[in-house]
């Protein structure tokens, strides 16, 4: 009989709503912590249930979060892809390339909103470097607004 390891305990996640009330910098920081903790837990859980084959979203979040210029943006994900917004509320403003970790361990970097492939890399760090190399001029910290609010 194969002994199964216990599932990891679900982490206590930062209160992003409370962080939003304190301001955009706190909201951004809380969201980075929330994403990192949640995806680390999912990866650990997956390794217990069905080992192997988990995409590199955790490595990507860690690499992007370590990059100062990206750490000031509001991170979110959809279908394992990491997106970075220059506002903290939905609908988000996407001016920064997105990264999709693949099941084969590689990473695809896409032009924001259009979905055109900028490149494919072997590591999360190389994907982050490609994103940083394609940042728009004048990009600053995320603001406490949405795309709709910024258009007004």
N, C-alpha and C. Protein backbone atom coordinates (compact mmCIF):
# COMPACT_ATOMS: atom_id res chain seq x y z
N UNK A 1 0.84 -1.18 0.00
CA UNK A 1 0.00 0.00 0.00
C UNK A 1 0.89 1.25 0.00
N UNK A 2 0.56 2.17 -0.85
CA UNK A 2 1.31 3.42 -0.95
C UNK A 2 0.79 4.39 0.09
N UNK A 3 1.71 4.88 0.89
CA UNK A 3 1.30 5.85 1.92
C UNK A 3 1.28 7.25 1.31
N UNK A 4 0.18 7.91 1.49
CA UNK A 4 0.02 9.25 0.94
C UNK A 4 0.35 10.29 2.02
N UNK A 5 1.11 11.29 1.60
CA UNK A 5 1.41 12.39 2.52
C UNK A 5 0.13 13.17 2.79
N UNK A 6 0.06 13.81 3.95
CA UNK A 6 -1.13 14.63 4.22
C UNK A 6 -1.13 15.87 3.32
N UNK A 7 -2.30 16.34 3.03
CA UNK A 7 -2.42 17.57 2.24
C UNK A 7 -1.93 18.75 3.07
N UNK A 8 -1.29 19.71 2.44
CA UNK A 8 -0.82 20.89 3.19
C UNK A 8 -2.01 21.72 3.68
N UNK A 9 -1.81 22.36 4.81
CA UNK A 9 -2.85 23.24 5.35
C UNK A 9 -3.00 24.46 4.46
N UNK A 10 -4.22 24.88 4.27
CA UNK A 10 -4.47 26.07 3.47
C UNK A 10 -3.90 27.29 4.20
N UNK A 11 -3.16 28.14 3.50
CA UNK A 11 -2.54 29.28 4.18
C UNK A 11 -3.55 30.37 4.53
N UNK A 12 -3.19 31.17 5.51
CA UNK A 12 -3.98 32.36 5.83
C UNK A 12 -3.52 33.44 4.87
N UNK A 13 -4.43 33.88 4.04
CA UNK A 13 -4.09 34.86 3.00
C UNK A 13 -4.28 36.28 3.51
N UNK A 14 -3.48 37.21 2.97
CA UNK A 14 -3.64 38.62 3.35
C UNK A 14 -5.04 39.12 2.98
N UNK A 15 -5.54 40.05 3.74
CA UNK A 15 -6.84 40.67 3.48
C UNK A 15 -6.64 41.78 2.45
N UNK A 16 -6.83 41.42 1.19
CA UNK A 16 -6.60 42.38 0.11
C UNK A 16 -7.62 43.52 0.14
N UNK A 17 -8.84 43.22 0.55
CA UNK A 17 -9.87 44.28 0.63
C UNK A 17 -9.46 45.34 1.65
N UNK A 18 -8.95 44.91 2.79
CA UNK A 18 -8.48 45.87 3.80
C UNK A 18 -7.28 46.64 3.28
N UNK A 19 -6.42 45.98 2.55
CA UNK A 19 -5.25 46.65 1.98
C UNK A 19 -5.67 47.71 0.97
N UNK A 20 -6.72 47.44 0.19
CA UNK A 20 -7.24 48.43 -0.76
C UNK A 20 -7.67 49.70 -0.02
N UNK A 21 -8.25 49.54 1.15
CA UNK A 21 -8.70 50.71 1.91
C UNK A 21 -7.52 51.55 2.41
N UNK A 22 -6.37 50.92 2.59
CA UNK A 22 -5.18 51.65 3.04
C UNK A 22 -4.46 52.36 1.90
N UNK A 23 -4.76 51.99 0.67
CA UNK A 23 -4.13 52.66 -0.46
C UNK A 23 -3.56 51.69 -1.48
N UNK A 24 -3.23 52.21 -2.67
CA UNK A 24 -2.79 51.33 -3.75
C UNK A 24 -1.49 50.58 -3.46
N UNK A 25 -0.54 51.19 -2.78
CA UNK A 25 0.72 50.50 -2.49
C UNK A 25 0.47 49.29 -1.60
N UNK A 26 -0.38 49.44 -0.59
CA UNK A 26 -0.71 48.31 0.29
C UNK A 26 -1.50 47.24 -0.47
N UNK A 27 -2.40 47.66 -1.36
CA UNK A 27 -3.18 46.71 -2.15
C UNK A 27 -2.27 45.88 -3.04
N UNK A 28 -1.31 46.53 -3.67
CA UNK A 28 -0.37 45.83 -4.55
C UNK A 28 0.45 44.83 -3.75
N UNK A 29 0.99 45.25 -2.61
CA UNK A 29 1.82 44.36 -1.80
C UNK A 29 1.02 43.17 -1.27
N UNK A 30 -0.19 43.43 -0.81
CA UNK A 30 -1.04 42.34 -0.30
C UNK A 30 -1.38 41.35 -1.41
N UNK A 31 -1.63 41.87 -2.59
CA UNK A 31 -1.98 40.98 -3.72
C UNK A 31 -0.79 40.11 -4.12
N UNK A 32 0.42 40.68 -4.13
CA UNK A 32 1.61 39.86 -4.43
C UNK A 32 1.73 38.73 -3.40
N UNK A 33 1.57 39.06 -2.12
CA UNK A 33 1.68 38.03 -1.07
C UNK A 33 0.58 36.99 -1.22
N UNK A 34 -0.65 37.46 -1.50
CA UNK A 34 -1.78 36.55 -1.66
C UNK A 34 -1.54 35.57 -2.81
N UNK A 35 -1.13 36.08 -3.96
CA UNK A 35 -0.87 35.20 -5.10
C UNK A 35 0.22 34.18 -4.79
N UNK A 36 1.32 34.64 -4.20
CA UNK A 36 2.43 33.74 -3.89
C UNK A 36 1.99 32.63 -2.94
N UNK A 37 1.31 32.98 -1.86
CA UNK A 37 0.87 31.98 -0.89
C UNK A 37 -0.14 31.01 -1.48
N UNK A 38 -1.11 31.53 -2.21
CA UNK A 38 -2.16 30.69 -2.78
C UNK A 38 -1.59 29.70 -3.80
N UNK A 39 -0.71 30.16 -4.67
CA UNK A 39 -0.15 29.27 -5.68
C UNK A 39 0.85 28.29 -5.10
N UNK A 40 1.59 28.70 -4.07
CA UNK A 40 2.48 27.75 -3.40
C UNK A 40 1.67 26.61 -2.80
N UNK A 41 0.57 26.96 -2.14
CA UNK A 41 -0.29 25.95 -1.55
C UNK A 41 -0.87 25.03 -2.63
N UNK A 42 -1.34 25.60 -3.74
CA UNK A 42 -1.90 24.77 -4.82
C UNK A 42 -0.86 23.80 -5.37
N UNK A 43 0.37 24.30 -5.54
CA UNK A 43 1.43 23.43 -6.07
C UNK A 43 1.73 22.30 -5.08
N UNK A 44 1.86 22.61 -3.78
CA UNK A 44 2.14 21.59 -2.77
C UNK A 44 1.00 20.56 -2.72
N UNK A 45 -0.22 21.03 -2.81
CA UNK A 45 -1.38 20.15 -2.79
C UNK A 45 -1.38 19.23 -4.02
N UNK A 46 -1.10 19.80 -5.17
CA UNK A 46 -1.05 19.03 -6.41
C UNK A 46 0.03 17.95 -6.34
N UNK A 47 1.16 18.27 -5.73
CA UNK A 47 2.25 17.29 -5.62
C UNK A 47 1.85 16.10 -4.75
N UNK A 48 0.96 16.31 -3.81
CA UNK A 48 0.47 15.20 -3.00
C UNK A 48 -0.55 14.38 -3.79
N UNK A 49 -1.45 15.05 -4.47
CA UNK A 49 -2.54 14.38 -5.17
C UNK A 49 -2.09 13.71 -6.47
N UNK A 50 -1.35 14.44 -7.29
CA UNK A 50 -0.87 13.95 -8.59
C UNK A 50 0.49 14.57 -8.88
N UNK A 51 1.56 13.94 -8.41
CA UNK A 51 2.90 14.53 -8.55
C UNK A 51 3.30 14.78 -10.01
N UNK A 52 4.05 15.88 -10.17
CA UNK A 52 4.63 16.21 -11.48
C UNK A 52 3.69 16.97 -12.39
N UNK A 53 4.26 17.66 -13.33
CA UNK A 53 3.49 18.30 -14.38
C UNK A 53 2.82 19.60 -14.02
N UNK A 54 3.15 20.18 -12.88
CA UNK A 54 2.50 21.44 -12.49
C UNK A 54 3.22 22.60 -13.16
N UNK A 55 2.49 23.52 -13.82
CA UNK A 55 3.16 24.64 -14.51
C UNK A 55 3.90 25.54 -13.52
N UNK A 56 4.87 26.29 -14.02
CA UNK A 56 5.76 27.09 -13.20
C UNK A 56 5.23 28.42 -12.73
N UNK A 57 3.95 28.51 -12.38
CA UNK A 57 3.38 29.78 -11.95
C UNK A 57 4.03 30.28 -10.66
N UNK A 58 4.38 29.38 -9.75
CA UNK A 58 5.01 29.81 -8.49
C UNK A 58 6.37 30.45 -8.77
N UNK A 59 7.17 29.78 -9.59
CA UNK A 59 8.48 30.34 -9.95
C UNK A 59 8.33 31.68 -10.65
N UNK A 60 7.31 31.79 -11.48
CA UNK A 60 7.07 33.04 -12.21
C UNK A 60 6.67 34.17 -11.26
N UNK A 61 5.78 33.89 -10.33
CA UNK A 61 5.36 34.91 -9.36
C UNK A 61 6.55 35.35 -8.52
N UNK A 62 7.38 34.40 -8.10
CA UNK A 62 8.57 34.75 -7.31
C UNK A 62 9.54 35.61 -8.12
N UNK A 63 9.79 35.23 -9.36
CA UNK A 63 10.73 35.99 -10.20
C UNK A 63 10.19 37.39 -10.51
N UNK A 64 8.91 37.49 -10.86
CA UNK A 64 8.32 38.79 -11.17
C UNK A 64 8.26 39.67 -9.92
N UNK A 65 7.93 39.07 -8.79
CA UNK A 65 7.84 39.82 -7.54
C UNK A 65 9.18 40.32 -7.05
N UNK A 66 10.26 39.70 -7.50
CA UNK A 66 11.60 40.14 -7.11
C UNK A 66 12.10 41.30 -7.97
N UNK A 67 11.41 41.57 -9.06
CA UNK A 67 11.80 42.66 -9.98
C UNK A 67 11.10 43.95 -9.54
N UNK A 68 11.88 44.92 -9.11
CA UNK A 68 11.35 46.16 -8.53
C UNK A 68 10.33 46.85 -9.42
N UNK A 69 10.59 46.94 -10.71
CA UNK A 69 9.67 47.66 -11.60
C UNK A 69 8.34 46.93 -11.75
N UNK A 70 8.35 45.62 -11.64
CA UNK A 70 7.11 44.86 -11.74
C UNK A 70 6.38 44.77 -10.41
N UNK A 71 7.13 44.80 -9.32
CA UNK A 71 6.56 44.67 -7.98
C UNK A 71 5.62 45.84 -7.64
N UNK A 72 5.72 46.95 -8.35
CA UNK A 72 4.86 48.11 -8.08
C UNK A 72 3.52 48.01 -8.83
N UNK A 73 3.36 46.98 -9.65
CA UNK A 73 2.13 46.79 -10.42
C UNK A 73 1.23 45.77 -9.73
N UNK A 74 -0.05 45.80 -10.04
CA UNK A 74 -1.03 44.92 -9.41
C UNK A 74 -1.09 43.59 -10.17
N UNK A 75 -0.69 42.50 -9.52
CA UNK A 75 -0.67 41.21 -10.21
C UNK A 75 -2.01 40.49 -10.11
N UNK A 76 -2.33 39.78 -11.17
CA UNK A 76 -3.46 38.86 -11.12
C UNK A 76 -3.20 37.76 -12.14
N UNK A 77 -3.95 36.71 -12.06
CA UNK A 77 -3.74 35.63 -13.02
C UNK A 77 -5.07 35.14 -13.56
N UNK A 78 -4.96 34.53 -14.72
CA UNK A 78 -6.09 33.91 -15.37
C UNK A 78 -5.55 32.74 -16.18
N UNK A 79 -6.09 31.56 -15.96
CA UNK A 79 -5.64 30.36 -16.67
C UNK A 79 -4.13 30.19 -16.58
N UNK A 80 -3.59 30.35 -15.41
CA UNK A 80 -2.17 30.22 -15.08
C UNK A 80 -1.31 31.37 -15.58
N UNK A 81 -1.81 32.23 -16.43
CA UNK A 81 -1.01 33.35 -16.93
C UNK A 81 -0.92 34.45 -15.88
N UNK A 82 0.24 35.08 -15.79
CA UNK A 82 0.44 36.20 -14.88
C UNK A 82 0.28 37.49 -15.66
N UNK A 83 -0.60 38.36 -15.16
CA UNK A 83 -0.85 39.67 -15.76
C UNK A 83 -0.51 40.73 -14.72
N UNK A 84 -0.10 41.89 -15.18
CA UNK A 84 0.26 43.00 -14.29
C UNK A 84 -0.47 44.25 -14.74
N UNK A 85 -1.19 44.86 -13.82
CA UNK A 85 -2.01 46.03 -14.14
C UNK A 85 -1.44 47.29 -13.51
N UNK A 86 -1.67 48.41 -14.19
CA UNK A 86 -1.26 49.69 -13.62
C UNK A 86 -2.38 50.35 -12.83
N UNK A 87 -3.45 49.58 -12.55
CA UNK A 87 -4.48 50.04 -11.62
C UNK A 87 -4.88 48.85 -10.74
N UNK A 88 -5.43 49.13 -9.58
CA UNK A 88 -5.71 48.08 -8.61
C UNK A 88 -7.14 47.55 -8.63
N UNK A 89 -7.97 48.08 -9.48
CA UNK A 89 -9.37 47.66 -9.53
C UNK A 89 -9.74 47.19 -10.94
N UNK A 90 -10.67 46.24 -10.99
CA UNK A 90 -11.17 45.70 -12.25
C UNK A 90 -12.18 46.67 -12.86
N UNK A 91 -12.20 46.85 -14.16
CA UNK A 91 -11.33 46.23 -15.15
C UNK A 91 -9.91 46.82 -15.12
N UNK A 92 -8.95 45.93 -15.26
CA UNK A 92 -7.55 46.32 -15.13
C UNK A 92 -7.02 46.99 -16.39
N UNK A 93 -5.93 47.71 -16.23
CA UNK A 93 -5.23 48.35 -17.35
C UNK A 93 -4.02 47.48 -17.66
N UNK A 94 -3.99 46.93 -18.86
CA UNK A 94 -2.89 46.05 -19.25
C UNK A 94 -1.99 46.75 -20.25
N UNK A 95 -0.83 47.17 -19.76
CA UNK A 95 0.16 47.82 -20.62
C UNK A 95 1.47 47.04 -20.62
N UNK A 96 1.51 45.97 -19.84
CA UNK A 96 2.72 45.19 -19.62
C UNK A 96 2.50 43.79 -20.21
N UNK A 97 3.52 43.21 -20.85
CA UNK A 97 3.36 41.85 -21.37
C UNK A 97 2.95 40.86 -20.29
N UNK A 98 2.19 39.86 -20.69
CA UNK A 98 1.74 38.79 -19.81
C UNK A 98 2.61 37.56 -20.04
N UNK A 99 2.65 36.69 -19.03
CA UNK A 99 3.48 35.48 -19.13
C UNK A 99 2.63 34.26 -18.82
N UNK A 100 2.75 33.26 -19.67
CA UNK A 100 2.04 32.00 -19.48
C UNK A 100 3.05 30.89 -19.26
N UNK A 101 3.06 30.29 -18.07
CA UNK A 101 3.93 29.13 -17.85
C UNK A 101 3.33 27.91 -18.56
N UNK A 102 4.17 27.15 -19.21
CA UNK A 102 3.72 25.95 -19.93
C UNK A 102 4.01 24.71 -19.10
N UNK A 103 3.30 23.65 -19.38
CA UNK A 103 3.49 22.40 -18.65
C UNK A 103 4.85 21.76 -18.93
N UNK A 104 5.50 22.15 -20.03
CA UNK A 104 6.82 21.60 -20.33
C UNK A 104 7.95 22.36 -19.63
N UNK A 105 7.59 23.34 -18.77
CA UNK A 105 8.59 24.08 -18.02
C UNK A 105 9.03 25.38 -18.66
N UNK A 106 8.59 25.65 -19.86
CA UNK A 106 8.95 26.90 -20.55
C UNK A 106 7.91 27.97 -20.25
N UNK A 107 8.20 29.19 -20.69
CA UNK A 107 7.33 30.34 -20.43
C UNK A 107 7.12 31.11 -21.73
N UNK A 108 5.88 31.49 -22.00
CA UNK A 108 5.56 32.30 -23.17
C UNK A 108 5.19 33.71 -22.71
N UNK A 109 5.76 34.68 -23.39
CA UNK A 109 5.52 36.09 -23.07
C UNK A 109 4.72 36.69 -24.22
N UNK A 110 3.61 37.36 -23.86
CA UNK A 110 2.68 37.89 -24.86
C UNK A 110 2.54 39.40 -24.75
N UNK A 111 2.31 40.04 -25.91
CA UNK A 111 2.00 41.46 -25.97
C UNK A 111 0.70 41.68 -25.20
N UNK A 112 0.62 42.74 -24.39
CA UNK A 112 -0.61 42.96 -23.63
C UNK A 112 -1.82 43.16 -24.54
N UNK A 113 -2.92 42.55 -24.14
CA UNK A 113 -4.23 42.65 -24.76
C UNK A 113 -4.33 42.03 -26.15
N UNK A 114 -3.28 42.07 -26.94
CA UNK A 114 -3.35 41.57 -28.31
C UNK A 114 -3.12 40.07 -28.37
N UNK A 115 -2.25 39.58 -27.51
CA UNK A 115 -1.98 38.15 -27.46
C UNK A 115 -0.90 37.68 -28.42
N UNK A 116 -0.20 38.62 -29.06
CA UNK A 116 0.89 38.26 -29.96
C UNK A 116 2.08 37.77 -29.14
N UNK A 117 2.66 36.67 -29.55
CA UNK A 117 3.79 36.10 -28.83
C UNK A 117 5.03 36.96 -29.02
N UNK A 118 5.61 37.42 -27.90
CA UNK A 118 6.88 38.16 -27.94
C UNK A 118 8.05 37.20 -27.95
N UNK A 119 7.91 36.11 -27.20
CA UNK A 119 8.99 35.14 -27.13
C UNK A 119 8.67 34.03 -26.16
N UNK A 120 9.51 33.00 -26.20
CA UNK A 120 9.38 31.87 -25.30
C UNK A 120 10.73 31.67 -24.63
N UNK A 121 10.71 31.41 -23.32
CA UNK A 121 11.94 31.29 -22.56
C UNK A 121 11.97 29.97 -21.80
N UNK A 122 13.17 29.61 -21.35
CA UNK A 122 13.35 28.37 -20.59
C UNK A 122 13.15 28.56 -19.10
N UNK A 123 13.25 29.81 -18.61
CA UNK A 123 13.15 30.05 -17.17
C UNK A 123 12.21 31.21 -16.89
N UNK A 124 11.71 31.22 -15.66
CA UNK A 124 10.86 32.33 -15.22
C UNK A 124 11.65 33.64 -15.22
N UNK A 125 12.91 33.58 -14.82
CA UNK A 125 13.75 34.79 -14.78
C UNK A 125 13.94 35.37 -16.17
N UNK A 126 14.13 34.51 -17.17
CA UNK A 126 14.29 35.00 -18.54
C UNK A 126 12.97 35.60 -19.05
N UNK A 127 11.85 35.01 -18.66
CA UNK A 127 10.55 35.57 -19.06
C UNK A 127 10.35 36.95 -18.45
N UNK A 128 10.72 37.09 -17.17
CA UNK A 128 10.60 38.38 -16.49
C UNK A 128 11.51 39.40 -17.15
N UNK A 129 12.71 39.02 -17.53
CA UNK A 129 13.62 39.93 -18.22
C UNK A 129 13.03 40.39 -19.55
N UNK A 130 12.35 39.50 -20.25
CA UNK A 130 11.70 39.86 -21.52
C UNK A 130 10.56 40.85 -21.27
N UNK A 131 9.81 40.63 -20.21
CA UNK A 131 8.74 41.57 -19.84
C UNK A 131 9.33 42.94 -19.54
N UNK A 132 10.36 42.97 -18.71
CA UNK A 132 10.99 44.24 -18.33
C UNK A 132 11.54 44.96 -19.56
N UNK A 133 12.06 44.21 -20.50
CA UNK A 133 12.57 44.81 -21.73
C UNK A 133 11.50 45.40 -22.63
N UNK A 134 10.24 45.09 -22.35
CA UNK A 134 9.13 45.62 -23.16
C UNK A 134 8.16 46.47 -22.34
N UNK A 135 8.65 47.04 -21.24
CA UNK A 135 7.79 47.92 -20.44
C UNK A 135 7.59 49.24 -21.16
N UNK A 136 6.39 49.80 -21.09
CA UNK A 136 6.15 51.10 -21.72
C UNK A 136 6.86 52.22 -20.97
N UNK A 137 7.22 53.25 -21.69
CA UNK A 137 7.86 54.42 -21.07
C UNK A 137 6.90 55.08 -20.09
N UNK A 138 7.44 55.58 -19.01
CA UNK A 138 6.65 56.33 -18.04
C UNK A 138 5.77 55.48 -17.15
N UNK A 139 6.00 54.18 -17.13
CA UNK A 139 5.19 53.31 -16.28
C UNK A 139 5.52 53.57 -14.82
N UNK A 140 4.51 53.86 -14.03
CA UNK A 140 4.71 54.12 -12.61
C UNK A 140 3.96 53.11 -11.78
N UNK A 141 3.89 53.34 -10.49
CA UNK A 141 3.17 52.42 -9.61
C UNK A 141 1.69 52.36 -9.95
N UNK A 142 1.07 51.24 -9.62
CA UNK A 142 -0.36 51.08 -9.83
C UNK A 142 -1.13 52.12 -9.03
N UNK A 143 -2.23 52.59 -9.60
CA UNK A 143 -3.07 53.59 -8.95
C UNK A 143 -4.37 52.94 -8.50
N UNK A 144 -5.02 53.55 -7.52
CA UNK A 144 -6.27 53.02 -6.96
C UNK A 144 -7.43 53.43 -7.86
N UNK A 145 -7.58 52.72 -8.96
CA UNK A 145 -8.65 53.02 -9.91
C UNK A 145 -8.82 51.80 -10.79
N UNK A 146 -9.70 51.92 -11.79
CA UNK A 146 -9.92 50.88 -12.78
C UNK A 146 -9.71 51.50 -14.16
N UNK A 147 -9.69 50.66 -15.18
CA UNK A 147 -9.58 51.18 -16.55
C UNK A 147 -10.73 52.13 -16.85
N UNK A 148 -11.93 51.77 -16.39
CA UNK A 148 -13.09 52.64 -16.62
C UNK A 148 -12.91 54.00 -15.93
N UNK A 149 -12.44 53.98 -14.70
CA UNK A 149 -12.22 55.23 -13.95
C UNK A 149 -11.16 56.10 -14.58
N UNK A 150 -10.13 55.49 -15.12
CA UNK A 150 -9.06 56.26 -15.75
C UNK A 150 -9.49 56.89 -17.06
N UNK A 151 -10.49 56.29 -17.73
CA UNK A 151 -10.99 56.84 -19.01
C UNK A 151 -11.87 58.08 -18.79
N UNK A 152 -12.41 58.23 -17.58
CA UNK A 152 -13.32 59.34 -17.32
C UNK A 152 -12.59 60.65 -17.21
